[in-house]
């Protein structure tokens, strides 16, 4: 009799089935992880902008309007001028802001994320991402 080396078709099929199941579990988890990371980048920028706005308010008794960052494309950092401690947003984050004498509402979104995060200074800070 000859000595057979290698795997049988059944063994190979079982290994492929196991790899398929693991991939079916891992891919959605990885996508969720990436989405959370993009949202966290937008939230971080909102926190930094809020701190910079409050510092600006302490010096000028008004909040600064930011219009140049409303539509940021992927991989681009929006430059913010005249806010203390703030020079750029994170890459790919768009920011729009409505200011009033009573406070400001800022929305930020990473270009790869599906959710937009909101910060409302009159309501106490971060509202959330939706």
Foldseek 3Di string as FASTA:
>chain_A
DDDDDDDDPVVVVVVVVVVVVVCVVPPVVVVVVVQVVQVVLQQVQQVQLQVQQVVVCVVVLFGDFDDQQQDAAAQDWDADPDGPPGGTRPGQKGKGKDTDSQWIKMWIGRPPHPWIWIFTVNVPTTPGID
